[in-house]
Amino acid sequence: MEHARPLPEYLIKRFHGWKATSYEQNQSWYKRLADEGQRPRTMVISCCDSRIHITEIFGADHGEFFIHRNIANLVPLYQPDGLEHGTSAAVEYAVNTLKVSQLIVLGHSGCGGVDGSYQMCSGTAPELEDKTSFVGRWLDILRPGFDRLPAGDDDSRKTALEKEAILVSLENLMSFPFVKSAVEEGTLSLHGLWNEIGAGELEVYDSASQSFHAL
């Protein structure tokens, strides 16, 4: 790869710092993970946003969470068309191979992907409407959520759409036959969480009341 560049020096220093501290103090645990493979109990589908640190939020150890990140923590509908589907592949692997018992969709405040979806669906982001926009076509997944938004100001509607992104993803997960079967058999539970970044709050979706409430 002639265009590859040297790794930034600050990343090299951080690696050596980690190797000399965290790794050095936990060598046996890393060796066990390498030798025995992963056995996560939970899959988390979260946003690519760099501010979201799911393992830190729950104090998770290495090997505990199987994490898939994408724009706006979205899950598409089940579509076995023979094409490439990264998120669907991750879900399939987690449920069918790793046999996770919990699947969490984690959304968050100030989501840039959700904001882009809101602008696109409002007709103010023509660049996302272009068929060549990978981001725009991915955000099409959230259009049903936009159509369900209540009246209100833009800020409140965007927050509502962040939560709709979670709900749309949970609904779409149930379109996967192997997810639906696992849920109905009681071997898999689905959960929706929304993280308010600035306040350090988590809200969980309660299907009984069809609303989010703070943990």
C-alpha atoms as a PDB file:
ATOM      1  CA  MET A   1       0.000   0.000   0.000  1.00  0.00           C
ATOM      2  CA  GLU A   2       1.977   2.978  -1.251  1.00  0.00           C
ATOM      3  CA  HIS A   3      -0.397   5.464   0.376  1.00  0.00           C
ATOM      4  CA  ALA A   4      -0.023   4.028   3.889  1.00  0.00           C
ATOM      5  CA  ARG A   5       1.644   6.446   6.304  1.00  0.00           C
ATOM      6  CA  PRO A   6       3.592   5.844   9.535  1.00  0.00           C
ATOM      7  CA  LEU A   7       1.475   5.502  12.652  1.00  0.00           C
ATOM      8  CA  PRO A   8       1.353   8.795  14.621  1.00  0.00           C
ATOM      9  CA  GLU A   9       3.945   8.920  17.385  1.00  0.00           C
ATOM     10  CA  TYR A  10       1.367   9.596  20.117  1.00  0.00           C
ATOM     11  CA  LEU A  11      -0.402   6.325  19.302  1.00  0.00           C
ATOM     12  CA  ILE A  12       2.879   4.423  19.416  1.00  0.00           C
ATOM     13  CA  LYS A  13       3.633   5.888  22.856  1.00  0.00           C
ATOM     14  CA  ARG A  14       0.156   5.010  24.112  1.00  0.00           C
ATOM     15  CA  PHE A  15       0.574   1.436  22.924  1.00  0.00           C
ATOM     16  CA  HIS A  16       3.872   1.039  24.744  1.00  0.00           C
ATOM     17  CA  GLY A  17       2.294   2.572  27.834  1.00  0.00           C
ATOM     18  CA  TRP A  18      -0.571   0.066  27.712  1.00  0.00           C
ATOM     19  CA  LYS A  19       1.798  -2.856  27.125  1.00  0.00           C
ATOM     20  CA  ALA A  20       3.910  -1.879  30.129  1.00  0.00           C
ATOM     21  CA  THR A  21       0.960  -1.373  32.489  1.00  0.00           C
ATOM     22  CA  SER A  22      -2.464  -2.880  31.766  1.00  0.00           C
ATOM     23  CA  TYR A  23      -1.176  -5.772  29.681  1.00  0.00           C
ATOM     24  CA  GLU A  24       1.750  -6.502  31.982  1.00  0.00           C
ATOM     25  CA  GLN A  25      -0.568  -6.651  34.987  1.00  0.00           C
ATOM     26  CA  ASN A  26      -3.111  -8.897  33.252  1.00  0.00           C
ATOM     27  CA  GLN A  27      -1.007 -11.198  31.075  1.00  0.00           C
ATOM     28  CA  SER A  28      -2.733 -14.367  32.273  1.00  0.00           C
ATOM     29  CA  TRP A  29      -6.166 -12.966  31.395  1.00  0.00           C
ATOM     30  CA  TYR A  30      -5.079 -11.974  27.885  1.00  0.00           C
ATOM     31  CA  LYS A  31      -3.508 -15.417  27.383  1.00  0.00           C
ATOM     32  CA  ARG A  32      -6.720 -17.073  28.497  1.00  0.00           C
ATOM     33  CA  LEU A  33      -8.746 -14.956  26.052  1.00  0.00           C
ATOM     34  CA  ALA A  34      -6.334 -15.873  23.254  1.00  0.00           C
ATOM     35  CA  ASP A  35      -6.341 -19.590  24.080  1.00  0.00           C
ATOM     36  CA  GLU A  36     -10.018 -20.105  24.884  1.00  0.00           C
ATOM     37  CA  GLY A  37     -11.622 -17.625  22.476  1.00  0.00           C
ATOM     38  CA  GLN A  38     -14.454 -15.227  23.234  1.00  0.00           C
ATOM     39  CA  ARG A  39     -17.604 -16.070  25.164  1.00  0.00           C
ATOM     40  CA  PRO A  40     -19.507 -12.785  25.441  1.00  0.00           C
ATOM     41  CA  ARG A  41     -22.962 -12.893  26.983  1.00  0.00           C
ATOM     42  CA  THR A  42     -24.049  -9.597  25.427  1.00  0.00           C
ATOM     43  CA  MET A  43     -23.986  -7.978  22.007  1.00  0.00           C
ATOM     44  CA  VAL A  44     -24.131  -4.184  21.837  1.00  0.00           C
ATOM     45  CA  ILE A  45     -25.053  -2.287  18.674  1.00  0.00           C
ATOM     46  CA  SER A  46     -23.962   1.298  19.198  1.00  0.00           C
ATOM     47  CA  CYS A  47     -23.134   4.411  17.209  1.00  0.00           C
ATOM     48  CA  CYS A  48     -19.700   5.075  15.711  1.00  0.00           C
ATOM     49  CA  ASP A  49     -19.619   8.334  17.692  1.00  0.00           C
ATOM     50  CA  SER A  50     -16.251   8.611  19.450  1.00  0.00           C
ATOM     51  CA  ARG A  51     -17.903   9.885  22.642  1.00  0.00           C
ATOM     52  CA  ILE A  52     -19.734   6.592  23.248  1.00  0.00           C
ATOM     53  CA  HIS A  53     -17.680   4.184  25.350  1.00  0.00           C
ATOM     54  CA  ILE A  54     -19.948   1.264  26.141  1.00  0.00           C
ATOM     55  CA  THR A  55     -17.374  -0.827  28.010  1.00  0.00           C
ATOM     56  CA  GLU A  56     -16.583   2.103  30.287  1.00  0.00           C
ATOM     57  CA  ILE A  57     -20.263   2.820  30.988  1.00  0.00           C
ATOM     58  CA  PHE A  58     -20.765  -0.724  32.292  1.00  0.00           C
ATOM     59  CA  GLY A  59     -17.241  -1.349  33.567  1.00  0.00           C
ATOM     60  CA  ALA A  60     -16.923  -4.320  31.216  1.00  0.00           C
ATOM     61  CA  ASP A  61     -13.838  -6.505  30.975  1.00  0.00           C
ATOM     62  CA  HIS A  62     -12.178  -7.627  27.747  1.00  0.00           C
ATOM     63  CA  GLY A  63     -14.199 -10.432  26.187  1.00  0.00           C
ATOM     64  CA  GLU A  64     -17.451  -9.486  27.907  1.00  0.00           C
ATOM     65  CA  PHE A  65     -19.223  -7.530  25.140  1.00  0.00           C
ATOM     66  CA  PHE A  66     -19.471  -8.307  21.430  1.00  0.00           C
ATOM     67  CA  ILE A  67     -19.702  -4.783  19.989  1.00  0.00           C
ATOM     68  CA  HIS A  68     -20.822  -3.626  16.564  1.00  0.00           C
ATOM     69  CA  ARG A  69     -20.776   0.082  15.757  1.00  0.00           C
ATOM     70  CA  ASN A  70     -22.339   1.896  12.825  1.00  0.00           C
ATOM     71  CA  ILE A  71     -23.841   5.265  11.913  1.00  0.00           C
ATOM     72  CA  ALA A  72     -26.747   6.029  14.296  1.00  0.00           C
ATOM     73  CA  ASN A  73     -26.811   2.497  15.816  1.00  0.00           C
ATOM     74  CA  LEU A  74     -29.192   1.259  13.126  1.00  0.00           C
ATOM     75  CA  VAL A  75     -30.216  -2.279  12.210  1.00  0.00           C
ATOM     76  CA  PRO A  76     -31.657  -2.814   8.726  1.00  0.00           C
ATOM     77  CA  LEU A  77     -34.517  -5.139   7.915  1.00  0.00           C
ATOM     78  CA  TYR A  78     -33.646  -8.779   7.266  1.00  0.00           C
ATOM     79  CA  GLN A  79     -32.735  -8.913   3.580  1.00  0.00           C
ATOM     80  CA  PRO A  80     -31.100 -12.179   2.401  1.00  0.00           C
ATOM     81  CA  ASP A  81     -30.259 -10.915  -1.089  1.00  0.00           C
ATOM     82  CA  GLY A  82     -26.727 -12.307  -1.389  1.00  0.00           C
ATOM     83  CA  LEU A  83     -25.096  -8.883  -1.046  1.00  0.00           C
ATOM     84  CA  GLU A  84     -22.764  -7.483   1.635  1.00  0.00           C
ATOM     85  CA  HIS A  85     -24.466  -6.685   4.953  1.00  0.00           C
ATOM     86  CA  GLY A  86     -22.039  -5.848   7.760  1.00  0.00           C
ATOM     87  CA  THR A  87     -24.556  -5.197  10.527  1.00  0.00           C
ATOM     88  CA  SER A  88     -26.695  -8.187   9.618  1.00  0.00           C
ATOM     89  CA  ALA A  89     -23.596 -10.388   9.549  1.00  0.00           C
ATOM     90  CA  ALA A  90     -22.605  -9.208  13.037  1.00  0.00           C
ATOM     91  CA  VAL A  91     -26.100  -9.962  14.365  1.00  0.00           C
ATOM     92  CA  GLU A  92     -26.092 -13.405  12.755  1.00  0.00           C
ATOM     93  CA  TYR A  93     -22.681 -14.252  14.214  1.00  0.00           C
ATOM     94  CA  ALA A  94     -23.600 -13.017  17.696  1.00  0.00           C
ATOM     95  CA  VAL A  95     -26.900 -14.904  17.856  1.00  0.00           C
ATOM     96  CA  ASN A  96     -26.139 -18.094  15.931  1.00  0.00           C
ATOM     97  CA  THR A  97     -22.452 -18.655  16.710  1.00  0.00           C
ATOM     98  CA  LEU A  98     -21.685 -16.847  19.967  1.00  0.00           C
ATOM     99  CA  LYS A  99     -25.157 -17.556  21.379  1.00  0.00           C
ATOM    100  CA  VAL A 100     -25.378 -14.235  23.234  1.00  0.00           C
ATOM    101  CA  SER A 101     -28.273 -14.004  25.660  1.00  0.00           C
ATOM    102  CA  GLN A 102     -28.651 -10.206  25.618  1.00  0.00           C
ATOM    103  CA  LEU A 103     -28.710  -7.821  22.647  1.00  0.00           C
ATOM    104  CA  ILE A 104     -28.585  -4.093  23.424  1.00  0.00           C
ATOM    105  CA  VAL A 105     -29.197  -1.256  20.972  1.00  0.00           C
ATOM    106  CA  LEU A 106     -27.550   1.842  22.441  1.00  0.00           C
ATOM    107  CA  GLY A 107     -28.442   5.310  21.140  1.00  0.00           C
ATOM    108  CA  HIS A 108     -27.254   8.660  22.441  1.00  0.00           C
ATOM    109  CA  SER A 109     -27.825  12.400  22.654  1.00  0.00           C
ATOM    110  CA  GLY A 110     -26.467  14.753  20.012  1.00  0.00           C
ATOM    111  CA  CYS A 111     -26.196  11.983  17.415  1.00  0.00           C
ATOM    112  CA  GLY A 112     -24.826  13.365  14.149  1.00  0.00           C
ATOM    113  CA  GLY A 113     -26.280  10.497  12.137  1.00  0.00           C
ATOM    114  CA  VAL A 114     -29.753  11.081  13.539  1.00  0.00           C
ATOM    115  CA  ASP A 115     -29.394  14.804  12.869  1.00  0.00           C
ATOM    116  CA  GLY A 116     -28.486  13.983   9.266  1.00  0.00           C
ATOM    117  CA  SER A 117     -31.549  11.758   8.975  1.00  0.00           C
ATOM    118  CA  TYR A 118     -33.725  14.524  10.406  1.00  0.00           C
ATOM    119  CA  GLN A 119     -32.360  17.054   7.910  1.00  0.00           C
ATOM    120  CA  MET A 120     -32.681  14.629   4.999  1.00  0.00           C
ATOM    121  CA  CYS A 121     -36.259  13.671   5.842  1.00  0.00           C
ATOM    122  CA  SER A 122     -37.090  17.363   6.318  1.00  0.00           C
ATOM    123  CA  GLY A 123     -35.787  18.130   2.833  1.00  0.00           C
ATOM    124  CA  THR A 124     -32.845  20.298   3.939  1.00  0.00           C
ATOM    125  CA  ALA A 125     -29.970  17.910   3.145  1.00  0.00           C
ATOM    126  CA  PRO A 126     -30.088  17.245  -0.618  1.00  0.00           C
ATOM    127  CA  GLU A 127     -26.557  15.822  -0.551  1.00  0.00           C
ATOM    128  CA  LEU A 128     -27.858  12.918   1.523  1.00  0.00           C
ATOM    129  CA  GLU A 129     -30.681  12.323  -0.929  1.00  0.00           C
ATOM    130  CA  ASP A 130     -28.146  11.644  -3.688  1.00  0.00           C
ATOM    131  CA  LYS A 131     -28.090   7.943  -4.565  1.00  0.00           C
ATOM    132  CA  THR A 132     -24.285   7.947  -4.315  1.00  0.00           C
ATOM    133  CA  SER A 133     -24.353   8.915  -0.617  1.00  0.00           C
ATOM    134  CA  PHE A 134     -23.530   5.872   1.502  1.00  0.00           C
ATOM    135  CA  VAL A 135     -24.583   7.792   4.617  1.00  0.00           C
ATOM    136  CA  GLY A 136     -27.902   8.854   3.104  1.00  0.00           C
ATOM    137  CA  ARG A 137     -28.842   5.372   1.946  1.00  0.00           C
ATOM    138  CA  TRP A 138     -27.960   3.966   5.355  1.00  0.00           C
ATOM    139  CA  LEU A 139     -30.075   6.626   7.072  1.00  0.00           C
ATOM    140  CA  ASP A 140     -33.063   5.613   4.929  1.00  0.00           C
ATOM    141  CA  ILE A 141     -33.486   2.889   7.562  1.00  0.00           C
ATOM    142  CA  LEU A 142     -34.683   5.590   9.980  1.00  0.00           C
ATOM    143  CA  ARG A 143     -37.375   7.102   7.735  1.00  0.00           C
ATOM    144  CA  PRO A 144     -40.191   5.137   9.442  1.00  0.00           C
ATOM    145  CA  GLY A 145     -39.073   6.652  12.752  1.00  0.00           C
ATOM    146  CA  PHE A 146     -39.172  10.170  11.316  1.00  0.00           C
ATOM    147  CA  ASP A 147     -42.710   9.552  10.078  1.00  0.00           C
ATOM    148  CA  ARG A 148     -43.779   8.732  13.656  1.00  0.00           C
ATOM    149  CA  LEU A 149     -42.366  11.907  15.242  1.00  0.00           C
ATOM    150  CA  PRO A 150     -44.765  14.051  17.278  1.00  0.00           C
ATOM    151  CA  ALA A 151     -45.157  17.772  16.646  1.00  0.00           C
ATOM    152  CA  GLY A 152     -42.728  20.092  18.418  1.00  0.00           C
ATOM    153  CA  ASP A 153     -39.588  22.149  18.018  1.00  0.00           C
ATOM    154  CA  ASP A 154     -36.574  20.800  16.153  1.00  0.00           C
ATOM    155  CA  ASP A 155     -34.541  20.009  19.274  1.00  0.00           C
ATOM    156  CA  SER A 156     -37.267  17.931  20.911  1.00  0.00           C
ATOM    157  CA  ARG A 157     -38.028  16.151  17.644  1.00  0.00           C
ATOM    158  CA  LYS A 158     -34.354  15.280  17.125  1.00  0.00           C
ATOM    159  CA  THR A 159     -34.171  13.810  20.618  1.00  0.00           C
ATOM    160  CA  ALA A 160     -37.318  11.839  19.846  1.00  0.00           C
ATOM    161  CA  LEU A 161     -35.716  10.627  16.607  1.00  0.00           C
ATOM    162  CA  GLU A 162     -32.644   9.440  18.533  1.00  0.00           C
ATOM    163  CA  LYS A 163     -34.976   7.215  20.508  1.00  0.00           C
ATOM    164  CA  GLU A 164     -36.847   6.192  17.366  1.00  0.00           C
ATOM    165  CA  ALA A 165     -33.515   4.991  15.961  1.00  0.00           C
ATOM    166  CA  ILE A 166     -33.383   2.544  18.850  1.00  0.00           C
ATOM    167  CA  LEU A 167     -36.989   1.444  18.381  1.00  0.00           C
ATOM    168  CA  VAL A 168     -36.668   1.020  14.610  1.00  0.00           C
ATOM    169  CA  SER A 169     -33.585  -1.130  15.185  1.00  0.00           C
ATOM    170  CA  LEU A 170     -35.367  -3.282  17.769  1.00  0.00           C
ATOM    171  CA  GLU A 171     -38.302  -3.716  15.388  1.00  0.00           C
ATOM    172  CA  ASN A 172     -35.985  -4.627  12.509  1.00  0.00           C
ATOM    173  CA  LEU A 173     -34.097  -7.137  14.656  1.00  0.00           C
ATOM    174  CA  MET A 174     -37.332  -9.085  15.014  1.00  0.00           C
ATOM    175  CA  SER A 175     -37.501  -9.428  11.220  1.00  0.00           C
ATOM    176  CA  PHE A 176     -34.462 -11.757  11.419  1.00  0.00           C
ATOM    177  CA  PRO A 177     -35.887 -15.308  11.743  1.00  0.00           C
ATOM    178  CA  PHE A 178     -33.093 -16.509  14.042  1.00  0.00           C
ATOM    179  CA  VAL A 179     -33.489 -13.484  16.328  1.00  0.00           C
ATOM    180  CA  LYS A 180     -37.272 -13.901  16.479  1.00  0.00           C
ATOM    181  CA  SER A 181     -36.900 -17.602  17.286  1.00  0.00           C
ATOM    182  CA  ALA A 182     -34.341 -16.983  20.030  1.00  0.00           C
ATOM    183  CA  VAL A 183     -36.519 -14.276  21.601  1.00  0.00           C
ATOM    184  CA  GLU A 184     -39.627 -16.476  21.493  1.00  0.00           C
ATOM    185  CA  GLU A 185     -37.689 -19.419  22.960  1.00  0.00           C
ATOM    186  CA  GLY A 186     -36.445 -17.206  25.803  1.00  0.00           C
ATOM    187  CA  THR A 187     -32.742 -17.617  25.010  1.00  0.00           C
ATOM    188  CA  LEU A 188     -32.316 -14.008  23.840  1.00  0.00           C
ATOM    189  CA  SER A 189     -33.533 -10.702  25.272  1.00  0.00           C
ATOM    190  CA  LEU A 190     -33.566  -7.392  23.380  1.00  0.00           C
ATOM    191  CA  HIS A 191     -32.958  -4.071  25.132  1.00  0.00           C
ATOM    192  CA  GLY A 192     -33.038  -0.413  24.066  1.00  0.00           C
ATOM    193  CA  LEU A 193     -30.886   2.171  25.851  1.00  0.00           C
ATOM    194  CA  TRP A 194     -30.361   5.895  25.282  1.00  0.00           C
ATOM    195  CA  ASN A 195     -27.331   7.685  26.733  1.00  0.00           C
ATOM    196  CA  GLU A 196     -27.503  11.391  27.621  1.00  0.00           C
ATOM    197  CA  ILE A 197     -23.792  12.132  27.232  1.00  0.00           C
ATOM    198  CA  GLY A 198     -23.500  15.410  29.124  1.00  0.00           C
ATOM    199  CA  ALA A 199     -25.522  14.271  32.135  1.00  0.00           C
ATOM    200  CA  GLY A 200     -24.070  10.771  32.220  1.00  0.00           C
ATOM    201  CA  GLU A 201     -27.589   9.334  32.216  1.00  0.00           C
ATOM    202  CA  LEU A 202     -28.977   6.127  30.753  1.00  0.00           C
ATOM    203  CA  GLU A 203     -32.601   5.639  29.806  1.00  0.00           C
ATOM    204  CA  VAL A 204     -34.033   2.194  29.129  1.00  0.00           C
ATOM    205  CA  TYR A 205     -37.006   1.400  26.929  1.00  0.00           C
ATOM    206  CA  ASP A 206     -39.917  -0.226  28.732  1.00  0.00           C
ATOM    207  CA  SER A 207     -42.105  -2.143  26.299  1.00  0.00           C
ATOM    208  CA  ALA A 208     -45.002  -2.287  28.753  1.00  0.00           C
ATOM    209  CA  SER A 209     -45.358   1.492  28.936  1.00  0.00           C
ATOM    210  CA  GLN A 210     -43.824   2.019  25.470  1.00  0.00           C
ATOM    211  CA  SER A 211     -41.563   4.734  26.851  1.00  0.00           C
ATOM    212  CA  PHE A 212     -38.011   5.379  28.016  1.00  0.00           C
ATOM    213  CA  HIS A 213     -37.227   5.958  31.660  1.00  0.00           C
ATOM    214  CA  ALA A 214     -34.026   6.744  33.559  1.00  0.00           C
ATOM    215  CA  LEU A 215     -32.052   3.987  35.229  1.00  0.00           C
END
